[in-house]
Protein backbone atom coordinates (compact mmCIF):
# COMPACT_ATOMS: atom_id res chain seq x y z
CA MET A 1 -10.73 -17.29 32.99
CA GLY A 2 -12.75 -13.92 32.79
CA VAL A 3 -14.82 -12.42 29.89
CA PRO A 4 -12.36 -11.00 27.17
CA LYS A 5 -11.94 -7.21 27.37
CA TYR A 6 -12.81 -6.70 23.79
CA ARG A 7 -15.84 -8.71 22.31
CA ILE A 8 -16.55 -9.10 18.60
CA THR A 9 -19.89 -10.29 17.44
CA LEU A 10 -20.07 -10.30 13.68
CA THR A 11 -23.12 -9.85 11.64
CA GLU A 12 -23.88 -12.48 8.97
CA GLU A 13 -22.74 -10.35 6.36
CA GLU A 14 -19.39 -9.67 7.95
CA ARG A 15 -18.94 -13.22 8.41
CA ASP A 16 -19.72 -13.89 4.80
CA VAL A 17 -17.42 -11.27 3.59
CA LEU A 18 -14.49 -12.43 5.99
CA ASN A 19 -15.08 -15.96 4.92
CA ARG A 20 -14.83 -15.09 1.32
CA ILE A 21 -11.49 -13.10 2.02
CA VAL A 22 -9.98 -16.14 3.79
CA ARG A 23 -10.89 -18.23 0.79
CA LYS A 24 -9.64 -15.77 -1.84
CA HIS A 25 -6.47 -17.03 -3.36
CA THR A 26 -5.20 -13.74 -4.48
CA GLU A 27 -5.94 -11.76 -1.43
CA SER A 28 -2.78 -10.60 0.74
CA GLN A 29 -1.76 -13.02 3.26
CA HIS A 30 -1.77 -10.30 5.85
CA VAL A 31 -5.35 -9.47 5.08
CA VAL A 32 -6.31 -13.18 5.30
CA THR A 33 -4.60 -13.54 8.81
CA ARG A 34 -6.55 -10.51 10.08
CA ALA A 35 -9.84 -11.95 8.71
CA LYS A 36 -8.97 -15.31 10.42
CA ILE A 37 -8.30 -13.39 13.63
CA ILE A 38 -11.57 -11.72 13.56
CA LEU A 39 -13.44 -14.83 12.59
CA ARG A 40 -11.80 -16.77 15.64
CA VAL A 41 -12.70 -13.98 18.02
CA ASP A 42 -16.11 -14.09 16.92
CA GLU A 43 -16.56 -17.71 16.80
CA ASP A 44 -15.46 -18.60 20.42
CA GLN A 45 -14.26 -15.49 22.11
CA GLN A 46 -11.17 -17.44 23.00
CA GLN A 47 -8.17 -15.86 24.76
CA ARG A 48 -5.83 -13.99 22.48
CA LYS A 49 -3.01 -16.53 23.49
CA VAL A 50 -4.96 -19.37 22.15
CA ILE A 51 -5.91 -17.55 18.88
CA ALA A 52 -2.30 -16.56 18.36
CA ALA A 53 -1.11 -20.09 18.98
CA LYS A 54 -3.61 -21.60 16.45
CA LEU A 55 -2.79 -19.11 14.03
CA GLY A 56 0.86 -18.99 14.42
CA VAL A 57 1.09 -15.29 15.09
CA GLU A 58 2.12 -12.95 17.85
CA GLU A 59 -0.31 -12.39 20.68
CA HIS A 60 0.05 -8.56 20.22
CA LEU A 61 -0.96 -8.93 16.38
CA VAL A 62 -4.36 -10.50 17.69
CA THR A 63 -4.87 -7.73 20.22
CA THR A 64 -3.99 -5.08 17.51
CA TRP A 65 -6.47 -6.40 14.96
CA ILE A 66 -9.24 -6.85 17.65
CA LYS A 67 -8.77 -3.29 18.62
CA ARG A 68 -8.66 -1.91 15.21
CA TRP A 69 -11.74 -3.90 13.95
CA LEU A 70 -13.82 -2.42 16.76
CA ASP A 71 -12.46 1.14 16.28
CA ARG A 72 -13.48 1.12 12.51
CA LYS A 73 -17.11 0.09 12.89
CA GLU A 74 -18.26 2.68 10.29
CA CYS A 75 -15.79 1.16 7.63
CA ALA A 76 -16.51 -1.60 5.06
CA VAL A 77 -14.98 -5.06 5.90
CA ILE A 78 -12.12 -4.86 3.66
CA GLU A 79 -11.15 -1.43 4.88
CA ARG A 80 -11.37 -2.64 8.55
CA LEU A 81 -8.54 -5.24 7.62
CA GLN A 82 -6.24 -2.76 5.93
CA ASP A 83 -3.14 -0.99 7.48
CA LEU A 84 -3.34 2.30 9.06
CA PRO A 85 -1.70 5.14 6.92
CA ARG A 86 2.04 5.19 7.95
CA PRO A 87 3.74 8.01 8.98
CA GLY A 88 6.67 9.30 7.13
CA SER A 89 8.04 12.22 5.45
CA PRO A 90 5.59 13.57 2.56
CA GLY A 91 6.91 13.54 -0.90
CA VAL A 92 9.42 16.31 -1.49
CA ILE A 93 9.27 16.66 -5.30
CA THR A 94 6.11 18.82 -6.26
CA PRO A 95 3.71 18.07 -9.01
CA GLU A 96 5.32 20.88 -11.10
CA GLN A 97 8.77 19.16 -10.73
CA TRP A 98 7.42 15.98 -11.78
CA CYS A 99 5.95 17.79 -14.84
CA GLN A 100 9.29 19.11 -15.69
CA ILE A 101 11.15 15.69 -15.22
CA ILE A 102 8.49 14.07 -17.30
CA ALA A 103 8.91 16.62 -19.98
CA MET A 104 12.79 16.19 -19.99
CA SER A 105 12.24 12.42 -20.25
CA CYS A 106 10.43 13.04 -23.57
CA GLU A 107 13.38 14.94 -24.97
CA LYS A 108 16.53 13.68 -26.46
CA PRO A 109 19.46 13.52 -24.34
CA SER A 110 21.35 15.01 -27.17
CA GLU A 111 19.73 18.22 -26.51
CA TYR A 112 21.35 18.32 -23.29
CA GLY A 113 24.86 17.56 -24.72
CA LEU A 114 24.93 13.94 -23.67
CA PRO A 115 26.52 11.40 -26.35
CA ILE A 116 23.42 9.06 -25.95
CA THR A 117 20.43 8.17 -27.91
CA ASP A 118 18.07 7.15 -25.05
CA TRP A 119 17.79 8.08 -21.24
CA SER A 120 18.86 5.60 -18.62
CA GLN A 121 17.48 6.12 -15.13
CA ARG A 122 20.96 7.00 -14.00
CA GLU A 123 21.50 9.61 -16.81
CA LEU A 124 18.08 11.24 -16.39
CA ALA A 125 18.42 11.56 -12.53
CA LYS A 126 21.82 12.99 -13.02
CA GLU A 127 20.59 15.60 -15.57
CA VAL A 128 17.51 16.52 -13.56
CA ILE A 129 19.71 17.44 -10.85
CA LYS A 130 22.31 19.16 -12.97
CA GLN A 131 19.41 21.25 -14.32
CA GLY A 132 18.33 22.31 -10.95
CA ILE A 133 15.00 20.72 -11.23
CA VAL A 134 15.39 18.65 -7.84
CA GLU A 135 18.15 18.70 -5.28
CA ALA A 136 18.50 14.97 -5.23
CA ILE A 137 16.65 11.94 -6.74
CA SER A 138 17.76 8.20 -6.77
CA PRO A 139 17.41 6.66 -10.47
CA SER A 140 15.44 3.79 -8.98
CA HIS A 141 12.83 6.24 -7.43
CA LEU A 142 12.68 8.18 -10.81
CA GLY A 143 12.13 5.24 -12.61
CA ARG A 144 9.31 3.85 -10.62
CA GLU A 145 7.76 7.24 -10.53
CA LEU A 146 7.91 7.98 -14.24
CA LYS A 147 6.60 4.34 -14.74
CA LYS A 148 3.66 5.07 -12.38
CA ARG A 149 3.06 8.58 -13.79
CA THR A 150 3.13 7.89 -17.37
CA SER A 151 1.60 4.33 -17.68
CA SER A 152 -1.79 5.68 -16.74
CA ARG A 153 -1.98 8.00 -19.87
CA THR A 154 -4.55 7.30 -22.18
CA GLU A 155 -4.37 7.17 -25.95
CA PRO A 156 -6.29 10.11 -27.70
CA ALA A 157 -9.51 9.00 -29.25
CA THR A 158 -9.68 8.54 -32.87
CA GLY A 159 -12.66 9.15 -34.94
């Protein structure tokens, strides 16, 4: 067996952080598994196949995280264990459109001729489309975004 192509030599600080991540009960299992991979590689520089078998993961996963660990040397330990940004289509609803949607959600449905007292996600999505604010939006996406965008509002200071 030859020398592994990708060698990892951890500093004491990196090892400490990784061990804390592994012991942390609230950490994502994906991150814990990645931390275990890096620790195993550092400990005995075993073959990827052996590490994968011991951790119950695919060999390509071990290879991926060894390479990512080495490629992200300038990042903090926890950042090195995170997924890369995923490609995908960017959001198609502009901030201005979200402002209009939020404003509409604060109005009474009766102002739009609807015989209901409160908006449901489905009714609001239909009306947003009908009013021409967006071409399409699913009720579930609308609900998630409204919750995310309005739950961070802070109450005005009293005094």
